[in-house]
Amino acid sequence: MNSSKADVVARVILGLLIVSVLALLSTYSFGFAMMTLPLLLSGVFIIFIIGFPFFLIVSALKKKQQGIEPEKKGKPVHYNEGDRVVLYRSDEESTSTKV
């Protein structure tokens, strides 16, 4: 198979063109990823910083509008009116004994 000089030059130019287009695309996609990744992460950060308090305010206003009273807190966990309480667990039932 005999290839002329023009054919070889055309193949080299075509190869360089293909390689340069692929390099340009990969560089562009890498740069695009490096630009958009921080933007996406900062967008998620902004959503949590602004959205979460907004969600809390809206849910509190809905409860207030519906007339739902806030949850009343019960006695503290360690509230025992001054008595010392020993907690233990048996196989039969869980009980507490005042000492």
N, C-alpha and C. Protein backbone atom coordinates (compact mmCIF):
# COMPACT_ATOMS: atom_id res chain seq x y z
N MET A 1 0.84 -1.16 0.00
CA MET A 1 0.00 0.00 0.00
C MET A 1 0.89 1.23 0.00
N ASN A 2 0.70 2.05 -0.96
CA ASN A 2 1.52 3.24 -1.14
C ASN A 2 0.78 4.46 -0.65
N SER A 3 1.35 5.18 0.33
CA SER A 3 0.73 6.39 0.85
C SER A 3 1.52 7.59 0.37
N SER A 4 0.82 8.56 -0.11
CA SER A 4 1.49 9.77 -0.57
C SER A 4 1.84 10.65 0.63
N LYS A 5 2.70 11.63 0.38
CA LYS A 5 3.12 12.53 1.44
C LYS A 5 1.93 13.35 1.95
N ALA A 6 1.04 13.74 1.08
CA ALA A 6 -0.13 14.53 1.48
C ALA A 6 -1.06 13.70 2.37
N ASP A 7 -1.17 12.41 2.07
CA ASP A 7 -2.02 11.53 2.87
C ASP A 7 -1.47 11.39 4.29
N VAL A 8 -0.15 11.24 4.42
CA VAL A 8 0.47 11.12 5.73
C VAL A 8 0.29 12.42 6.53
N VAL A 9 0.49 13.55 5.86
CA VAL A 9 0.32 14.84 6.53
C VAL A 9 -1.13 15.03 6.98
N ALA A 10 -2.08 14.61 6.15
CA ALA A 10 -3.49 14.73 6.50
C ALA A 10 -3.83 13.86 7.71
N ARG A 11 -3.26 12.66 7.75
CA ARG A 11 -3.51 11.78 8.90
C ARG A 11 -2.90 12.35 10.18
N VAL A 12 -1.71 12.93 10.09
CA VAL A 12 -1.07 13.52 11.26
C VAL A 12 -1.88 14.72 11.75
N ILE A 13 -2.31 15.56 10.82
CA ILE A 13 -3.11 16.73 11.20
C ILE A 13 -4.44 16.29 11.82
N LEU A 14 -5.07 15.28 11.22
CA LEU A 14 -6.33 14.77 11.77
C LEU A 14 -6.12 14.19 13.17
N GLY A 15 -5.04 13.45 13.37
CA GLY A 15 -4.74 12.90 14.69
C GLY A 15 -4.50 13.99 15.72
N LEU A 16 -3.72 15.01 15.33
CA LEU A 16 -3.47 16.13 16.25
C LEU A 16 -4.76 16.88 16.57
N LEU A 17 -5.63 17.02 15.58
CA LEU A 17 -6.91 17.68 15.79
C LEU A 17 -7.78 16.90 16.77
N ILE A 18 -7.82 15.58 16.59
CA ILE A 18 -8.62 14.74 17.50
C ILE A 18 -8.05 14.80 18.92
N VAL A 19 -6.74 14.70 19.05
CA VAL A 19 -6.11 14.74 20.37
C VAL A 19 -6.33 16.10 21.03
N SER A 20 -6.21 17.17 20.27
CA SER A 20 -6.40 18.50 20.86
C SER A 20 -7.84 18.73 21.27
N VAL A 21 -8.81 18.22 20.50
CA VAL A 21 -10.22 18.35 20.88
C VAL A 21 -10.49 17.55 22.15
N LEU A 22 -9.95 16.34 22.24
CA LEU A 22 -10.14 15.54 23.45
C LEU A 22 -9.49 16.20 24.66
N ALA A 23 -8.30 16.76 24.46
CA ALA A 23 -7.63 17.45 25.57
C ALA A 23 -8.42 18.67 26.00
N LEU A 24 -8.96 19.39 25.03
CA LEU A 24 -9.75 20.57 25.35
C LEU A 24 -11.02 20.19 26.11
N LEU A 25 -11.67 19.12 25.66
CA LEU A 25 -12.88 18.67 26.35
C LEU A 25 -12.59 18.21 27.77
N SER A 26 -11.51 17.45 27.94
CA SER A 26 -11.20 16.96 29.28
C SER A 26 -10.80 18.11 30.20
N THR A 27 -10.05 19.08 29.66
CA THR A 27 -9.68 20.25 30.46
C THR A 27 -10.91 21.05 30.83
N TYR A 28 -11.81 21.23 29.86
CA TYR A 28 -13.03 21.99 30.12
C TYR A 28 -13.89 21.28 31.15
N SER A 29 -14.04 19.96 31.01
CA SER A 29 -14.90 19.24 31.96
C SER A 29 -14.28 19.24 33.35
N PHE A 30 -12.95 19.12 33.42
CA PHE A 30 -12.28 19.17 34.73
C PHE A 30 -12.45 20.56 35.36
N GLY A 31 -12.24 21.59 34.56
CA GLY A 31 -12.41 22.95 35.06
C GLY A 31 -13.84 23.22 35.46
N PHE A 32 -14.77 22.71 34.67
CA PHE A 32 -16.19 22.89 34.98
C PHE A 32 -16.54 22.20 36.28
N ALA A 33 -15.99 20.99 36.47
CA ALA A 33 -16.25 20.26 37.71
C ALA A 33 -15.64 21.00 38.90
N MET A 34 -14.45 21.53 38.71
CA MET A 34 -13.79 22.24 39.81
C MET A 34 -14.49 23.57 40.13
N MET A 35 -15.17 24.15 39.13
CA MET A 35 -15.91 25.38 39.39
C MET A 35 -17.26 25.09 40.03
N THR A 36 -17.93 24.04 39.57
CA THR A 36 -19.29 23.81 40.04
C THR A 36 -19.34 23.08 41.38
N LEU A 37 -18.34 22.27 41.68
CA LEU A 37 -18.37 21.53 42.94
C LEU A 37 -18.44 22.46 44.16
N PRO A 38 -17.58 23.48 44.25
CA PRO A 38 -17.74 24.40 45.39
C PRO A 38 -19.06 25.14 45.37
N LEU A 39 -19.55 25.45 44.17
CA LEU A 39 -20.84 26.13 44.10
C LEU A 39 -21.96 25.23 44.61
N LEU A 40 -21.90 23.95 44.24
CA LEU A 40 -22.92 23.02 44.72
C LEU A 40 -22.82 22.85 46.23
N LEU A 41 -21.60 22.70 46.73
CA LEU A 41 -21.43 22.52 48.17
C LEU A 41 -21.85 23.76 48.93
N SER A 42 -21.52 24.94 48.40
CA SER A 42 -21.95 26.16 49.09
C SER A 42 -23.46 26.31 48.99
N GLY A 43 -24.05 25.82 47.90
CA GLY A 43 -25.51 25.85 47.79
C GLY A 43 -26.16 24.99 48.83
N VAL A 44 -25.62 23.80 49.06
CA VAL A 44 -26.16 22.92 50.10
C VAL A 44 -25.97 23.57 51.47
N PHE A 45 -24.82 24.18 51.67
CA PHE A 45 -24.54 24.87 52.93
C PHE A 45 -25.55 26.00 53.15
N ILE A 46 -25.81 26.78 52.11
CA ILE A 46 -26.76 27.89 52.22
C ILE A 46 -28.16 27.36 52.49
N ILE A 47 -28.52 26.25 51.86
CA ILE A 47 -29.85 25.67 52.10
C ILE A 47 -30.00 25.30 53.57
N PHE A 48 -28.96 24.69 54.16
CA PHE A 48 -29.06 24.30 55.56
C PHE A 48 -29.04 25.51 56.49
N ILE A 49 -28.22 26.50 56.19
CA ILE A 49 -28.11 27.66 57.07
C ILE A 49 -29.37 28.51 57.02
N ILE A 50 -29.94 28.69 55.83
CA ILE A 50 -31.14 29.52 55.70
C ILE A 50 -32.40 28.67 55.84
N GLY A 51 -32.40 27.49 55.25
CA GLY A 51 -33.61 26.68 55.22
C GLY A 51 -34.01 26.09 56.55
N PHE A 52 -33.05 25.64 57.34
CA PHE A 52 -33.39 24.99 58.60
C PHE A 52 -34.05 25.96 59.59
N PRO A 53 -33.48 27.15 59.83
CA PRO A 53 -34.20 28.10 60.70
C PRO A 53 -35.56 28.50 60.13
N PHE A 54 -35.64 28.64 58.81
CA PHE A 54 -36.92 28.97 58.16
C PHE A 54 -37.94 27.87 58.44
N PHE A 55 -37.50 26.61 58.34
CA PHE A 55 -38.38 25.47 58.62
C PHE A 55 -38.85 25.50 60.08
N LEU A 56 -37.94 25.80 61.00
CA LEU A 56 -38.32 25.86 62.41
C LEU A 56 -39.33 26.97 62.68
N ILE A 57 -39.11 28.12 62.06
CA ILE A 57 -40.03 29.25 62.25
C ILE A 57 -41.40 28.92 61.68
N VAL A 58 -41.43 28.35 60.48
CA VAL A 58 -42.71 28.02 59.85
C VAL A 58 -43.46 26.96 60.66
N SER A 59 -42.76 25.94 61.14
CA SER A 59 -43.44 24.91 61.93
C SER A 59 -43.96 25.47 63.26
N ALA A 60 -43.22 26.39 63.87
CA ALA A 60 -43.69 27.01 65.11
C ALA A 60 -44.92 27.88 64.85
N LEU A 61 -44.92 28.60 63.73
CA LEU A 61 -46.08 29.42 63.39
C LEU A 61 -47.31 28.56 63.09
N LYS A 62 -47.10 27.42 62.44
CA LYS A 62 -48.22 26.51 62.16
C LYS A 62 -48.81 25.97 63.46
N LYS A 63 -47.94 25.59 64.39
CA LYS A 63 -48.42 25.09 65.69
C LYS A 63 -49.18 26.18 66.43
N LYS A 64 -48.67 27.40 66.36
CA LYS A 64 -49.33 28.50 67.05
C LYS A 64 -50.69 28.79 66.40
N GLN A 65 -50.74 28.71 65.08
CA GLN A 65 -51.98 28.99 64.37
C GLN A 65 -53.02 27.90 64.65
N GLN A 66 -52.58 26.66 64.77
CA GLN A 66 -53.51 25.57 65.02
C GLN A 66 -53.87 25.47 66.50
N GLY A 67 -53.23 26.24 67.32
CA GLY A 67 -53.54 26.23 68.75
C GLY A 67 -52.91 25.08 69.50
N ILE A 68 -51.90 24.48 68.94
CA ILE A 68 -51.21 23.38 69.62
C ILE A 68 -50.24 23.99 70.63
N GLU A 69 -50.39 23.59 71.87
CA GLU A 69 -49.50 24.11 72.90
C GLU A 69 -48.15 23.42 72.79
N PRO A 70 -47.10 24.14 73.13
CA PRO A 70 -45.78 23.50 73.11
C PRO A 70 -45.73 22.35 74.12
N GLU A 71 -44.87 21.41 73.84
CA GLU A 71 -44.78 20.24 74.72
C GLU A 71 -44.33 20.68 76.11
N LYS A 72 -45.09 20.22 77.10
CA LYS A 72 -44.73 20.55 78.48
C LYS A 72 -43.68 19.56 78.96
N LYS A 73 -42.69 20.11 79.61
CA LYS A 73 -41.63 19.26 80.11
C LYS A 73 -42.06 18.64 81.43
N GLY A 74 -41.77 17.39 81.58
CA GLY A 74 -42.08 16.71 82.83
C GLY A 74 -40.98 16.94 83.85
N LYS A 75 -41.00 16.11 84.86
CA LYS A 75 -39.97 16.22 85.89
C LYS A 75 -38.63 15.80 85.29
N PRO A 76 -37.54 16.33 85.82
CA PRO A 76 -36.23 15.89 85.34
C PRO A 76 -36.03 14.40 85.62
N VAL A 77 -35.13 13.82 84.91
CA VAL A 77 -34.88 12.38 85.03
C VAL A 77 -34.46 12.00 86.44
N HIS A 78 -33.65 12.85 87.06
CA HIS A 78 -33.11 12.51 88.38
C HIS A 78 -33.94 13.12 89.51
N TYR A 79 -35.16 13.52 89.22
CA TYR A 79 -36.01 14.11 90.26
C TYR A 79 -36.53 13.00 91.16
N ASN A 80 -36.15 13.01 92.43
CA ASN A 80 -36.58 11.94 93.33
C ASN A 80 -36.95 12.47 94.71
N GLU A 81 -37.26 13.75 94.81
CA GLU A 81 -37.72 14.38 96.05
C GLU A 81 -36.78 14.13 97.22
N GLY A 82 -35.51 14.11 96.98
CA GLY A 82 -34.54 14.01 98.05
C GLY A 82 -34.21 12.60 98.49
N ASP A 83 -34.97 11.61 98.08
CA ASP A 83 -34.67 10.23 98.47
C ASP A 83 -33.60 9.69 97.54
N ARG A 84 -32.78 8.82 98.13
CA ARG A 84 -31.76 8.17 97.32
C ARG A 84 -32.37 6.94 96.70
N VAL A 85 -32.26 6.81 95.39
CA VAL A 85 -32.89 5.70 94.69
C VAL A 85 -31.81 4.85 94.05
N VAL A 86 -31.90 3.55 94.30
CA VAL A 86 -30.98 2.61 93.68
C VAL A 86 -31.75 1.88 92.59
N LEU A 87 -31.27 1.98 91.39
CA LEU A 87 -31.92 1.30 90.28
C LEU A 87 -31.17 0.01 89.99
N TYR A 88 -31.91 -1.06 89.80
CA TYR A 88 -31.29 -2.30 89.40
C TYR A 88 -32.25 -3.03 88.48
N ARG A 89 -31.70 -3.99 87.80
CA ARG A 89 -32.51 -4.74 86.85
C ARG A 89 -32.42 -6.21 87.19
N SER A 90 -33.57 -6.82 87.32
CA SER A 90 -33.58 -8.26 87.55
C SER A 90 -34.14 -8.93 86.31
N ASP A 91 -34.10 -10.24 86.30
CA ASP A 91 -34.63 -10.97 85.15
C ASP A 91 -36.15 -10.91 85.11
N GLU A 92 -36.78 -10.77 86.26
CA GLU A 92 -38.24 -10.80 86.31
C GLU A 92 -38.85 -9.46 85.94
N GLU A 93 -38.39 -8.39 86.56
CA GLU A 93 -38.96 -7.07 86.26
C GLU A 93 -37.98 -5.99 86.69
N SER A 94 -38.12 -4.83 86.09
CA SER A 94 -37.27 -3.70 86.45
C SER A 94 -37.96 -2.91 87.53
N THR A 95 -37.28 -2.73 88.64
CA THR A 95 -37.87 -1.99 89.75
C THR A 95 -36.85 -1.02 90.30
N SER A 96 -37.30 -0.14 91.15
CA SER A 96 -36.39 0.75 91.86
C SER A 96 -36.68 0.61 93.35
N THR A 97 -35.64 0.71 94.12
CA THR A 97 -35.78 0.55 95.56
C THR A 97 -35.26 1.80 96.24
N LYS A 98 -36.02 2.32 97.18
CA LYS A 98 -35.55 3.47 97.95
C LYS A 98 -34.67 2.95 99.08
N VAL A 99 -33.57 3.62 99.28
CA VAL A 99 -32.63 3.20 100.32
C VAL A 99 -32.69 4.19 101.45
